[in-house]
């Protein structure tokens, strides 16, 4: 089987850019190459779905009566203020709900859907830990595994997700027919909550293999009381504990690696196109290097990006190094700057520049990072509609692979953290009404443009101005006969701005990315950018301006670690 990233049927961006190059003349044989990355997955843009909370496409798999005394369906979070809501039970979202809205996701401009873990989770609510409550963190008593991160059998599909004729393989195949890849969220650090229960429950703290055989059991014991030397079922776990009451996998036990590799290879065989790796920082680099080597031995170049929840670039960059498995990571440092920039009116684009690390940075390649402004593990971005529009205009034009959390296209539950509405059910009615939000059409416009542009996907970024409410920068992709430069102009102010570019300006025939109109550019370009707007101009030839080429060549030599 060929790599899912090198045999992609969807090559619209490449075909588009080749046509552009053909119409304007191919690159000279000795032309300089300028690009941010050659990573195939960089052409993607990701819509992140918490599957249970998106759309209930098949009520027959809701299992409303599951769990008995410790029921699993529709459990309101205790302590919610009047008029507010949150839920710690299953609410019915499934594969069918995503598939039936594949057109909605694709038409917004996305090319991939990241789904939360699909593996089997316990069939009842957790009885240990501290009681779940409004605004609580790591308070899990009474909570279920609706999110998918409490795996007990990593080879088995959780029963809340499939429908008749639509298992995971069927789902990925059907999504591929809709021109969408599936990014699978995986966990290697832990299983389900495992101890502190008043009485040991049938599934919590246990791990089963592909045949349903029990291979690990925490036995409701505090980690320090485990005896991995003398008790085989304890050997899967660490004795020092980890996050909350979760069963913490022993990275030094070869059986753990074998189990996880075997399970996740199975899901790749069934169509997973890439992995998002949960809690990657909780396992040592040595473990993830072995895991990556095993996965890529069968799937060369398979793309994986990790969640290292830390805003220090120097700390999370270690995961990107070849010796540590060459993972990409979610770009938390840039996310922090994005929230500060787009949640506040008096913010400065210069803040974002400090987190890009375009030159001499700590990452193996900053262009391969997955960029985002919020997700399920933090408060959603607390911005106005205009703030979301500005954030998306930045996210889909600046370096990195953009990921947008479900509902952000309408500002859903803005500002809300976990156990305060962050993970609330979206539903078909909200999907159908999304076009009424001003955020939605603006997102669709810029995401669709990126989907068609090799420069915005993989181009080298060169900042011309990042100050106040204005950002102006180049994205340059000039490689293997394809040439496209994007000049991006962003305005996050409440009024239209006339912007002027002269420094490093490439003269010649440019075109407007949105309406296709031609512009003849000389020594200076002056153009109006609407309030909370973006203009993108394309130059579909090899660059000729000498000082610009020299500056880009210098940046090329300094972008990779």
Protein backbone atom coordinates (compact mmCIF):
# COMPACT_ATOMS: atom_id res chain seq x y z
CA UNK A 1 0.00 0.00 0.00
CA UNK A 2 1.39 3.39 -0.93
CA UNK A 3 1.79 6.22 1.55
CA UNK A 4 -1.51 8.07 2.14
CA UNK A 5 0.39 11.33 1.81
CA UNK A 6 2.31 10.74 -1.39
CA UNK A 7 -0.44 9.22 -3.51
CA UNK A 8 -3.15 11.76 -2.80
CA UNK A 9 -5.89 11.98 -5.43
CA UNK A 10 -6.56 15.51 -4.40
CA UNK A 11 -3.95 17.64 -6.18
CA UNK A 12 -5.99 20.71 -7.07
CA UNK A 13 -3.43 23.11 -5.69
CA UNK A 14 -0.62 21.49 -7.62
CA UNK A 15 -2.60 21.41 -10.86
CA UNK A 16 -3.61 25.02 -10.40
CA UNK A 17 -0.05 26.19 -9.83
CA UNK A 18 1.28 24.19 -12.78
CA UNK A 19 -1.26 25.87 -15.03
CA UNK A 20 -0.15 29.24 -13.69
CA UNK A 21 3.47 28.43 -14.36
CA UNK A 22 2.67 27.16 -17.85
CA UNK A 23 0.80 30.33 -18.75
CA UNK A 24 3.57 32.62 -17.60
CA UNK A 25 6.66 30.64 -18.44
CA UNK A 26 8.46 27.90 -16.57
CA UNK A 27 11.23 28.63 -14.11
CA UNK A 28 14.70 28.99 -15.47
CA UNK A 29 16.82 25.93 -14.85
CA UNK A 30 19.19 27.83 -12.59
CA UNK A 31 16.48 29.71 -10.67
CA UNK A 32 16.77 29.78 -6.89
CA UNK A 33 14.38 27.59 -4.93
CA UNK A 34 12.31 29.25 -2.23
CA UNK A 35 9.85 27.35 -0.06
CA UNK A 36 8.86 26.94 3.54
CA UNK A 37 8.38 23.20 3.43
CA UNK A 38 8.12 20.25 1.07
CA UNK A 39 5.94 18.32 3.53
CA UNK A 40 2.94 16.98 1.55
CA UNK A 41 0.59 17.33 4.54
CA UNK A 42 1.28 21.08 4.61
CA UNK A 43 -1.25 21.43 1.81
CA UNK A 44 -3.98 20.37 4.25
CA UNK A 45 -6.28 22.45 6.42
CA UNK A 46 -7.96 20.71 9.34
CA UNK A 47 -11.46 20.88 10.79
CA UNK A 48 -11.29 19.44 14.33
CA UNK A 49 -14.40 17.57 15.44
CA UNK A 50 -15.15 16.14 18.88
CA UNK A 51 -17.16 13.38 17.27
CA UNK A 52 -19.76 12.88 20.01
CA UNK A 53 -20.48 16.61 20.08
CA UNK A 54 -20.82 17.38 16.38
CA UNK A 55 -23.98 15.86 14.86
CA UNK A 56 -26.08 12.82 15.82
CA UNK A 57 -26.55 11.13 12.47
CA UNK A 58 -27.76 7.80 13.84
CA UNK A 59 -29.78 7.71 17.09
CA UNK A 60 -29.69 3.89 17.04
CA UNK A 61 -26.09 3.93 18.33
CA UNK A 62 -26.75 6.34 21.23
CA UNK A 63 -27.10 3.54 23.82
CA UNK A 64 -29.31 5.74 25.98
CA UNK A 65 -29.83 2.94 28.53
CA UNK A 66 -26.14 2.10 28.88
CA UNK A 67 -24.47 1.99 32.32
CA UNK A 68 -27.44 1.26 34.55
CA UNK A 69 -26.82 3.03 37.87
CA UNK A 70 -23.80 4.71 36.31
CA UNK A 71 -25.52 5.80 33.13
CA UNK A 72 -23.58 7.23 30.22
CA UNK A 73 -26.06 9.25 28.13
CA UNK A 74 -26.92 12.93 28.62
CA UNK A 75 -25.51 13.82 32.03
CA UNK A 76 -25.71 17.59 32.71
CA UNK A 77 -22.63 18.91 34.52
CA UNK A 78 -23.58 19.77 38.12
CA UNK A 79 -23.48 23.38 39.19
CA UNK A 80 -24.20 25.07 35.87
CA UNK A 81 -25.54 28.61 36.37
CA UNK A 82 -29.05 29.37 35.19
CA UNK A 83 -29.17 29.62 31.42
CA UNK A 84 -25.84 27.82 30.98
CA UNK A 85 -25.18 24.22 30.02
CA UNK A 86 -22.47 21.58 29.89
CA UNK A 87 -22.63 17.82 29.68
CA UNK A 88 -20.36 14.96 30.76
CA UNK A 89 -22.32 12.16 29.10
CA UNK A 90 -22.62 10.97 25.53
CA UNK A 91 -24.83 13.12 23.32
CA UNK A 92 -24.99 11.06 20.14
CA UNK A 93 -22.49 12.46 17.64
CA UNK A 94 -21.12 9.75 15.36
CA UNK A 95 -19.45 8.94 12.04
CA UNK A 96 -22.71 9.28 10.16
CA UNK A 97 -23.23 12.80 11.52
CA UNK A 98 -19.81 13.83 10.20
CA UNK A 99 -20.24 12.08 6.85
CA UNK A 100 -23.65 13.65 6.24
CA UNK A 101 -21.98 17.03 6.71
CA UNK A 102 -18.83 16.32 4.71
CA UNK A 103 -20.01 18.76 2.06
CA UNK A 104 -20.45 21.46 4.69
CA UNK A 105 -16.88 20.94 5.91
CA UNK A 106 -15.38 20.69 2.43
CA UNK A 107 -17.27 23.73 1.16
CA UNK A 108 -15.76 25.80 3.99
CA UNK A 109 -12.38 25.11 2.40
CA UNK A 110 -11.10 22.30 4.62
CA UNK A 111 -9.32 19.22 3.29
CA UNK A 112 -9.08 17.06 6.43
CA UNK A 113 -11.21 16.22 9.45
CA UNK A 114 -9.49 15.47 12.75
CA UNK A 115 -11.66 13.16 14.87
CA UNK A 116 -11.23 12.41 18.57
CA UNK A 117 -10.11 8.88 19.55
CA UNK A 118 -12.29 6.09 18.20
CA UNK A 119 -11.17 3.25 20.48
CA UNK A 120 -13.46 1.48 22.94
CA UNK A 121 -14.11 3.38 26.18
CA UNK A 122 -15.84 2.17 29.39
CA UNK A 123 -19.57 1.49 29.24
CA UNK A 124 -20.42 3.36 32.43
CA UNK A 125 -19.57 6.61 34.21
CA UNK A 126 -16.48 6.83 36.40
CA UNK A 127 -17.09 6.58 40.15
CA UNK A 128 -13.70 7.74 41.45
CA UNK A 129 -11.85 11.04 41.69
CA UNK A 130 -13.45 14.34 42.59
CA UNK A 131 -17.03 15.06 41.53
CA UNK A 132 -17.37 16.71 38.14
CA UNK A 133 -18.64 20.25 38.47
CA UNK A 134 -19.14 23.43 36.50
CA UNK A 135 -15.73 24.95 35.77
CA UNK A 136 -13.83 22.07 37.36
CA UNK A 137 -10.53 20.78 36.05
CA UNK A 138 -9.55 17.11 36.40
CA UNK A 139 -12.85 16.50 38.20
CA UNK A 140 -14.05 13.27 36.65
CA UNK A 141 -16.45 11.52 39.02
CA UNK A 142 -19.70 10.94 37.19
CA UNK A 143 -18.08 11.63 33.81
CA UNK A 144 -17.99 9.29 30.81
CA UNK A 145 -15.54 8.63 28.00
CA UNK A 146 -17.65 10.48 25.43
CA UNK A 147 -14.46 12.24 24.29
CA UNK A 148 -12.70 8.97 23.48
CA UNK A 149 -9.51 9.50 25.52
CA UNK A 150 -10.24 6.75 28.10
CA UNK A 151 -9.35 3.72 26.00
CA UNK A 152 -9.75 0.16 27.31
CA UNK A 153 -9.35 -1.69 24.01
CA UNK A 154 -7.29 0.16 21.42
CA UNK A 155 -8.09 -2.44 18.75
CA UNK A 156 -11.85 -2.12 19.11
CA UNK A 157 -14.11 0.61 17.75
CA UNK A 158 -16.30 2.26 20.38
CA UNK A 159 -19.93 1.30 19.90
CA UNK A 160 -21.20 4.91 19.91
CA UNK A 161 -19.51 5.76 16.59
CA UNK A 162 -20.35 3.33 13.77
CA UNK A 163 -23.61 2.66 11.97
CA UNK A 164 -24.70 -0.29 9.89
CA UNK A 165 -22.31 -0.47 6.95
CA UNK A 166 -20.22 2.41 8.31
CA UNK A 167 -17.31 1.21 10.42
CA UNK A 168 -14.07 3.19 10.54
CA UNK A 169 -12.82 1.82 7.21
CA UNK A 170 -16.14 2.64 5.61
CA UNK A 171 -16.09 6.10 7.16
CA UNK A 172 -12.61 7.00 5.90
CA UNK A 173 -13.43 5.64 2.45
CA UNK A 174 -16.65 7.63 2.25
CA UNK A 175 -14.90 10.77 3.48
CA UNK A 176 -12.19 10.27 0.86
CA UNK A 177 -14.90 10.19 -1.78
CA UNK A 178 -15.95 13.58 -0.42
CA UNK A 179 -12.33 14.77 -0.87
CA UNK A 180 -11.64 14.82 2.85
CA UNK A 181 -8.92 12.92 4.70
CA UNK A 182 -9.37 11.69 8.27
CA UNK A 183 -6.80 12.64 10.90
CA UNK A 184 -7.03 10.26 13.84
CA UNK A 185 -6.43 11.37 17.42
CA UNK A 186 -4.39 8.72 19.24
CA UNK A 187 -3.34 8.20 22.85
CA UNK A 188 -0.14 6.46 23.89
CA UNK A 189 0.34 7.81 27.38
CA UNK A 190 -2.64 6.39 29.24
CA UNK A 191 -5.82 4.37 29.28
CA UNK A 192 -8.94 4.91 31.36
CA UNK A 193 -9.21 6.24 34.93
CA UNK A 194 -7.94 3.40 37.09
CA UNK A 195 -8.18 3.99 40.83
CA UNK A 196 -9.89 5.84 43.70
CA UNK A 197 -13.25 4.15 42.99
CA UNK A 198 -15.24 3.17 46.13
CA UNK A 199 -15.53 -0.26 44.56
CA UNK A 200 -13.66 -1.67 41.57
CA UNK A 201 -15.76 -1.44 38.42
CA UNK A 202 -15.71 -3.98 35.55
CA UNK A 203 -13.79 -1.98 32.91
CA UNK A 204 -11.98 1.00 34.41
CA UNK A 205 -8.21 0.58 34.64
CA UNK A 206 -8.19 -2.40 32.31
CA UNK A 207 -6.69 -2.98 28.84
CA UNK A 208 -7.80 -5.67 26.40
CA UNK A 209 -6.06 -6.96 23.27
CA UNK A 210 -7.44 -7.50 19.76
CA UNK A 211 -9.01 -10.81 20.84
CA UNK A 212 -10.65 -9.31 23.91
CA UNK A 213 -8.13 -10.86 26.29
CA UNK A 214 -7.26 -8.90 29.43
CA UNK A 215 -3.61 -7.79 29.24
CA UNK A 216 -3.50 -5.14 31.99
CA UNK A 217 -5.47 -4.38 35.14
CA UNK A 218 -4.87 -1.57 37.64
CA UNK A 219 -7.24 -3.35 40.06
CA UNK A 220 -8.36 0.00 41.53
CA UNK A 221 -5.00 0.36 43.26
CA UNK A 222 -3.10 3.57 43.85
CA UNK A 223 -0.11 3.55 41.45
CA UNK A 224 2.35 3.24 44.33
CA UNK A 225 0.68 -0.04 45.35
CA UNK A 226 1.09 -1.71 41.99
CA UNK A 227 3.52 -4.63 41.80
CA UNK A 228 4.69 -4.84 38.18
CA UNK A 229 7.54 -7.21 39.04
CA UNK A 230 5.37 -9.99 40.47
CA UNK A 231 1.97 -9.30 38.89
CA UNK A 232 1.80 -9.54 35.11
CA UNK A 233 -1.33 -7.41 34.79
CA UNK A 234 0.38 -4.53 36.61
CA UNK A 235 3.38 -4.46 34.28
CA UNK A 236 1.63 -2.23 31.73
CA UNK A 237 1.57 0.67 34.18
CA UNK A 238 3.89 3.09 35.89
CA UNK A 239 3.91 3.17 39.67
CA UNK A 240 4.35 6.93 39.94
CA UNK A 241 1.00 7.91 38.46
CA UNK A 242 0.28 10.65 35.97
CA UNK A 243 -2.69 12.78 34.92
CA UNK A 244 -5.64 12.73 37.33
CA UNK A 245 -6.55 9.09 38.07
CA UNK A 246 -5.65 7.84 34.58
CA UNK A 247 -3.84 4.53 34.14
CA UNK A 248 -0.33 5.64 33.19
CA UNK A 249 1.39 3.38 30.64
CA UNK A 250 4.92 2.14 31.32
CA UNK A 251 7.09 3.46 28.50
CA UNK A 252 9.88 1.04 29.41
CA UNK A 253 7.77 -2.08 28.92
CA UNK A 254 8.24 -3.36 25.34
CA UNK A 255 4.75 -4.88 25.50
CA UNK A 256 3.25 -1.38 25.69
CA UNK A 257 4.98 -0.30 22.48
CA UNK A 258 4.00 -3.52 20.71
CA UNK A 259 0.38 -3.12 21.77
CA UNK A 260 0.10 0.49 20.64
CA UNK A 261 1.94 0.00 17.35
CA UNK A 262 -0.23 -2.98 16.50
CA UNK A 263 -3.44 -1.11 17.32
CA UNK A 264 -2.60 2.06 15.46
CA UNK A 265 -1.25 0.24 12.40
CA UNK A 266 -4.69 -1.36 12.22
CA UNK A 267 -6.39 2.05 12.03
CA UNK A 268 -3.91 3.24 9.38
CA UNK A 269 -4.80 0.16 7.35
CA UNK A 270 -8.42 1.26 7.67
CA UNK A 271 -7.75 4.71 6.28
CA UNK A 272 -6.32 7.08 8.88
CA UNK A 273 -4.29 9.63 6.88
CA UNK A 274 -2.37 11.19 9.78
CA UNK A 275 -2.18 11.08 13.58
CA UNK A 276 -2.61 13.74 16.22
CA UNK A 277 -0.73 12.38 19.25
CA UNK A 278 -2.35 13.22 22.59
CA UNK A 279 -0.19 14.09 25.63
CA UNK A 280 3.03 13.46 23.72
CA UNK A 281 5.12 15.25 26.35
CA UNK A 282 4.10 12.76 29.04
CA UNK A 283 6.17 10.01 27.41
CA UNK A 284 9.93 10.29 26.80
CA UNK A 285 11.39 11.07 23.41
CA UNK A 286 12.93 7.60 23.28
CA UNK A 287 9.49 5.97 23.33
CA UNK A 288 8.08 8.20 20.60
CA UNK A 289 11.17 7.68 18.44
CA UNK A 290 10.61 3.92 18.54
CA UNK A 291 6.92 4.39 17.82
CA UNK A 292 7.58 6.67 14.85
CA UNK A 293 10.19 4.33 13.43
CA UNK A 294 7.78 1.41 13.59
CA UNK A 295 4.87 3.31 12.04
CA UNK A 296 6.95 4.80 9.23
CA UNK A 297 8.68 1.50 8.46
CA UNK A 298 5.36 0.51 6.89
CA UNK A 299 4.10 4.00 6.02
CA UNK A 300 7.12 6.12 5.01
CA UNK A 301 6.62 9.79 5.74
CA UNK A 302 3.41 9.26 7.72
CA UNK A 303 2.53 12.64 9.26
CA UNK A 304 2.06 12.93 13.01
CA UNK A 305 1.66 16.01 15.17
CA UNK A 306 1.79 15.98 18.94
CA UNK A 307 0.08 17.84 21.75
CA UNK A 308 2.76 19.20 24.06
CA UNK A 309 0.66 21.64 26.08
CA UNK A 310 3.35 24.22 26.73
CA UNK A 311 3.85 27.79 25.54
CA UNK A 312 7.66 27.57 25.55
CA UNK A 313 8.86 26.95 22.00
CA UNK A 314 12.24 25.68 23.18
CA UNK A 315 10.54 22.94 25.19
CA UNK A 316 8.06 21.68 22.60
CA UNK A 317 10.52 21.93 19.69
CA UNK A 318 12.38 18.84 20.89
CA UNK A 319 9.61 16.64 19.52
CA UNK A 320 10.30 17.92 16.00
CA UNK A 321 13.90 16.71 15.94
CA UNK A 322 14.84 13.71 13.82
CA UNK A 323 16.47 11.94 16.76
CA UNK A 324 13.18 12.19 18.68
CA UNK A 325 10.91 10.88 15.94
CA UNK A 326 10.45 13.99 13.81
CA UNK A 327 6.92 14.83 14.89
CA UNK A 328 5.20 18.06 14.17
CA UNK A 329 3.50 19.73 17.15
CA UNK A 330 0.51 21.89 17.82
CA UNK A 331 1.87 25.43 17.91
CA UNK A 332 0.97 26.51 21.42
CA UNK A 333 3.40 29.47 21.52
CA UNK A 334 1.79 31.01 18.43
CA UNK A 335 -1.66 30.13 19.77
CA UNK A 336 -0.96 32.18 22.89
CA UNK A 337 -0.02 35.19 20.78
CA UNK A 338 -3.07 34.71 18.56
CA UNK A 339 -5.43 34.79 21.53
CA UNK A 340 -3.75 37.91 22.87
CA UNK A 341 -3.88 39.56 19.43
CA UNK A 342 -7.41 38.73 18.30
CA UNK A 343 -9.25 38.89 21.60
CA UNK A 344 -8.20 42.49 22.21
CA UNK A 345 -8.81 45.54 20.04
CA UNK A 346 -5.70 47.46 21.07
CA UNK A 347 -3.33 44.58 20.26
CA UNK A 348 -0.32 44.68 17.95
CA UNK A 349 0.46 42.34 15.04
CA UNK A 350 4.10 42.61 16.12
CA UNK A 351 3.31 40.15 18.92
CA UNK A 352 2.60 37.43 16.40
CA UNK A 353 5.93 37.93 14.68
CA UNK A 354 7.77 36.96 17.87
CA UNK A 355 6.23 33.47 17.84
CA UNK A 356 6.75 32.59 14.17
CA UNK A 357 10.41 31.57 14.49
CA UNK A 358 10.90 31.95 10.74
CA UNK A 359 14.67 32.13 11.10
CA UNK A 360 17.15 30.60 13.55
CA UNK A 361 14.34 29.07 15.60
CA UNK A 362 14.19 25.93 17.74
CA UNK A 363 11.97 23.83 15.45
CA UNK A 364 13.21 21.45 12.80
CA UNK A 365 10.88 23.32 10.45
CA UNK A 366 8.34 25.88 11.73
CA UNK A 367 6.30 25.58 8.53
CA UNK A 368 5.26 22.03 9.46
CA UNK A 369 3.62 23.05 12.74
CA UNK A 370 -0.15 22.81 13.17
CA UNK A 371 -1.50 26.25 14.01
CA UNK A 372 -4.71 26.99 15.89
CA UNK A 373 -6.31 29.51 18.24
CA UNK A 374 -8.33 27.23 20.52
CA UNK A 375 -9.43 23.65 21.08
CA UNK A 376 -11.16 21.27 23.51
CA UNK A 377 -8.53 21.50 26.24
CA UNK A 378 -8.65 25.25 26.82
CA UNK A 379 -11.11 28.09 26.81
CA UNK A 380 -12.40 28.78 23.31
CA UNK A 381 -11.18 32.07 21.90
CA UNK A 382 -13.12 34.90 23.53
CA UNK A 383 -13.28 37.22 20.54
CA UNK A 384 -15.90 39.25 18.76
CA UNK A 385 -17.09 38.14 15.33
CA UNK A 386 -14.54 40.53 13.86
CA UNK A 387 -11.84 38.99 16.05
CA UNK A 388 -12.63 35.54 14.67
CA UNK A 389 -12.55 36.90 11.12
CA UNK A 390 -9.16 38.50 11.73
CA UNK A 391 -7.84 35.32 13.35
CA UNK A 392 -8.91 33.17 10.41
CA UNK A 393 -7.45 35.62 7.89
CA UNK A 394 -4.14 35.24 9.69
CA UNK A 395 -4.41 31.49 10.29
CA UNK A 396 -4.94 30.66 6.61
CA UNK A 397 -2.26 32.95 5.20
CA UNK A 398 0.63 32.71 7.69
CA UNK A 399 3.02 29.77 7.99
CA UNK A 400 1.80 26.48 9.40
CA UNK A 401 -1.03 23.99 8.86
CA UNK A 402 -4.29 25.55 10.09
CA UNK A 403 -6.69 23.69 12.37
CA UNK A 404 -10.11 25.06 13.37
CA UNK A 405 -12.20 23.64 16.22
CA UNK A 406 -15.80 22.71 15.39
CA UNK A 407 -18.20 25.60 15.85
CA UNK A 408 -15.56 28.30 15.59
CA UNK A 409 -17.02 29.12 12.16
CA UNK A 410 -19.91 30.72 14.08
CA UNK A 411 -18.17 31.73 17.32
CA UNK A 412 -19.86 28.83 19.15
CA UNK A 413 -19.42 28.92 22.95
CA UNK A 414 -16.73 31.60 22.68
CA UNK A 415 -14.67 32.05 25.82
CA UNK A 416 -15.91 28.80 27.40
CA UNK A 417 -13.56 26.26 28.96
CA UNK A 418 -14.04 22.54 29.60
CA UNK A 419 -16.95 21.85 31.96
CA UNK A 420 -18.26 25.30 31.06
CA UNK A 421 -19.67 24.61 27.61
CA UNK A 422 -16.48 24.26 25.52
CA UNK A 423 -17.49 20.77 24.36
CA UNK A 424 -21.22 21.35 23.99
CA UNK A 425 -23.26 19.64 21.31
CA UNK A 426 -23.30 21.54 18.01
CA UNK A 427 -26.03 19.78 16.07
CA UNK A 428 -27.56 19.85 12.63
CA UNK A 429 -29.59 23.01 13.24
CA UNK A 430 -26.42 25.01 13.92
CA UNK A 431 -24.72 23.52 10.88
CA UNK A 432 -27.66 24.52 8.71
CA UNK A 433 -27.69 28.04 10.15
CA UNK A 434 -23.91 28.62 10.02
CA UNK A 435 -24.14 30.85 6.95
CA UNK A 436 -26.00 33.46 8.99
CA UNK A 437 -22.85 34.16 11.02
CA UNK A 438 -20.48 36.76 9.51
CA UNK A 439 -17.58 34.55 10.58
CA UNK A 440 -18.61 31.70 8.27
CA UNK A 441 -18.40 33.36 4.82
CA UNK A 442 -15.15 35.11 5.70
CA UNK A 443 -13.63 31.80 6.82
CA UNK A 444 -14.88 30.04 3.70
CA UNK A 445 -13.38 32.76 1.50
CA UNK A 446 -9.87 32.63 2.93
CA UNK A 447 -9.76 28.85 3.52
CA UNK A 448 -10.81 28.20 -0.08
CA UNK A 449 -8.09 30.54 -1.33
CA UNK A 450 -5.44 28.67 0.68
CA UNK A 451 -6.70 25.34 -0.66
CA UNK A 452 -5.90 26.56 -4.19
CA UNK A 453 -2.54 28.20 -3.48
CA UNK A 454 0.83 26.42 -3.16
CA UNK A 455 2.33 29.67 -1.87
CA UNK A 456 -0.10 29.90 1.05
CA UNK A 457 0.28 26.20 1.79
CA UNK A 458 4.05 25.77 1.66
CA UNK A 459 5.61 29.09 0.79
CA UNK A 460 8.49 30.76 2.60
CA UNK A 461 7.19 33.65 4.73
CA UNK A 462 8.95 37.00 4.61
CA UNK A 463 7.44 39.75 6.75
CA UNK A 464 7.42 43.27 5.36
CA UNK A 465 5.37 44.95 8.09
CA UNK A 466 3.88 43.65 11.32
CA UNK A 467 2.75 46.62 13.35
CA UNK A 468 -0.44 47.77 15.03
CA UNK A 469 -3.50 46.70 13.06
CA UNK A 470 -1.55 45.96 9.88
CA UNK A 471 0.39 42.94 8.68
CA UNK A 472 2.04 42.65 5.27
CA UNK A 473 4.11 39.66 4.25
CA UNK A 474 5.15 37.48 1.34
CA UNK A 475 4.63 33.73 1.00
CA UNK A 476 6.95 32.42 -1.72
CA UNK A 477 6.89 29.00 -3.33
CA UNK A 478 9.38 28.58 -6.15
CA UNK A 479 10.41 24.98 -6.66
CA UNK A 480 10.55 22.24 -9.32
CA UNK A 481 8.98 24.30 -12.07
CA UNK A 482 6.22 25.83 -9.95
CA UNK A 483 6.36 29.51 -9.10
CA UNK A 484 3.87 31.46 -7.03
CA UNK A 485 4.35 34.37 -4.65
CA UNK A 486 1.52 35.63 -2.46
CA UNK A 487 1.54 39.17 -1.09
CA UNK A 488 -0.73 39.15 1.96
CA UNK A 489 -2.16 42.36 3.43
CA UNK A 490 -4.17 42.13 6.66
CA UNK A 491 -6.15 44.87 8.40
CA UNK A 492 -7.72 44.18 11.80
CA UNK A 493 -8.93 47.71 12.44
CA UNK A 494 -12.55 48.90 12.35
CA UNK A 495 -11.91 51.07 9.28
CA UNK A 496 -10.58 50.45 5.81
CA UNK A 497 -6.87 51.14 5.43
CA UNK A 498 -4.85 52.29 2.45
CA UNK A 499 -1.64 50.26 2.54
CA UNK A 500 1.54 50.98 0.63
CA UNK A 501 4.29 48.53 -0.30
CA UNK A 502 7.56 49.55 -1.91
CA UNK A 503 10.33 47.77 -0.01
CA UNK A 504 11.26 44.47 -1.71
CA UNK A 505 8.32 44.93 -4.07
CA UNK A 506 8.46 42.66 -7.12
CA UNK A 507 7.46 44.62 -10.24
CA UNK A 508 5.35 43.00 -12.91
CA UNK A 509 1.93 41.47 -13.50
CA UNK A 510 0.10 40.49 -10.32
CA UNK A 511 -3.46 39.23 -9.93
CA UNK A 512 -6.02 39.55 -7.16
CA UNK A 513 -6.47 36.18 -5.46
CA UNK A 514 -10.18 36.67 -4.89
CA UNK A 515 -11.48 38.25 -8.09
CA UNK A 516 -8.70 37.41 -10.55
CA UNK A 517 -8.21 41.01 -11.69
CA UNK A 518 -4.77 41.84 -13.09
CA UNK A 519 -2.59 44.53 -11.53
CA UNK A 520 0.48 46.05 -13.13
CA UNK A 521 2.93 46.84 -10.36
CA UNK A 522 5.94 49.13 -10.60
CA UNK A 523 8.03 50.66 -7.85
CA UNK A 524 5.14 51.11 -5.44
CA UNK A 525 1.85 49.38 -4.69
CA UNK A 526 -0.96 51.19 -2.95
CA UNK A 527 -4.16 49.30 -2.22
CA UNK A 528 -7.13 49.55 0.11
CA UNK A 529 -7.79 46.73 2.56
CA UNK A 530 -11.27 46.63 4.09
CA UNK A 531 -11.91 46.81 7.81
CA UNK A 532 -11.17 43.40 9.32
CA UNK A 533 -10.21 42.34 5.83
CA UNK A 534 -7.53 40.66 3.79
CA UNK A 535 -6.13 41.13 0.32
CA UNK A 536 -3.97 38.50 -1.34
CA UNK A 537 -2.15 39.24 -4.58
CA UNK A 538 -0.41 36.54 -6.59
CA UNK A 539 2.68 36.75 -8.78
CA UNK A 540 2.77 33.57 -10.89
CA UNK A 541 6.34 33.76 -12.16
CA UNK A 542 9.81 33.35 -10.78
CA UNK A 543 10.92 36.41 -8.80
CA UNK A 544 13.46 38.66 -10.50
CA UNK A 545 14.13 41.44 -8.01
CA UNK A 546 17.71 40.86 -6.84
CA UNK A 547 17.55 42.21 -3.29
CA UNK A 548 14.34 40.27 -2.63
CA UNK A 549 15.87 37.07 -3.97
CA UNK A 550 18.96 37.61 -1.84
CA UNK A 551 16.86 38.19 1.28
CA UNK A 552 14.81 35.08 0.61
CA UNK A 553 17.94 33.02 0.03
CA UNK A 554 19.22 34.13 3.42
CA UNK A 555 15.92 33.16 5.03
CA UNK A 556 16.03 29.77 3.31
CA UNK A 557 19.41 29.08 4.85
CA UNK A 558 18.11 29.91 8.35
CA UNK A 559 14.60 28.42 8.48
CA UNK A 560 15.55 24.83 9.34
CA UNK A 561 17.28 23.81 12.51
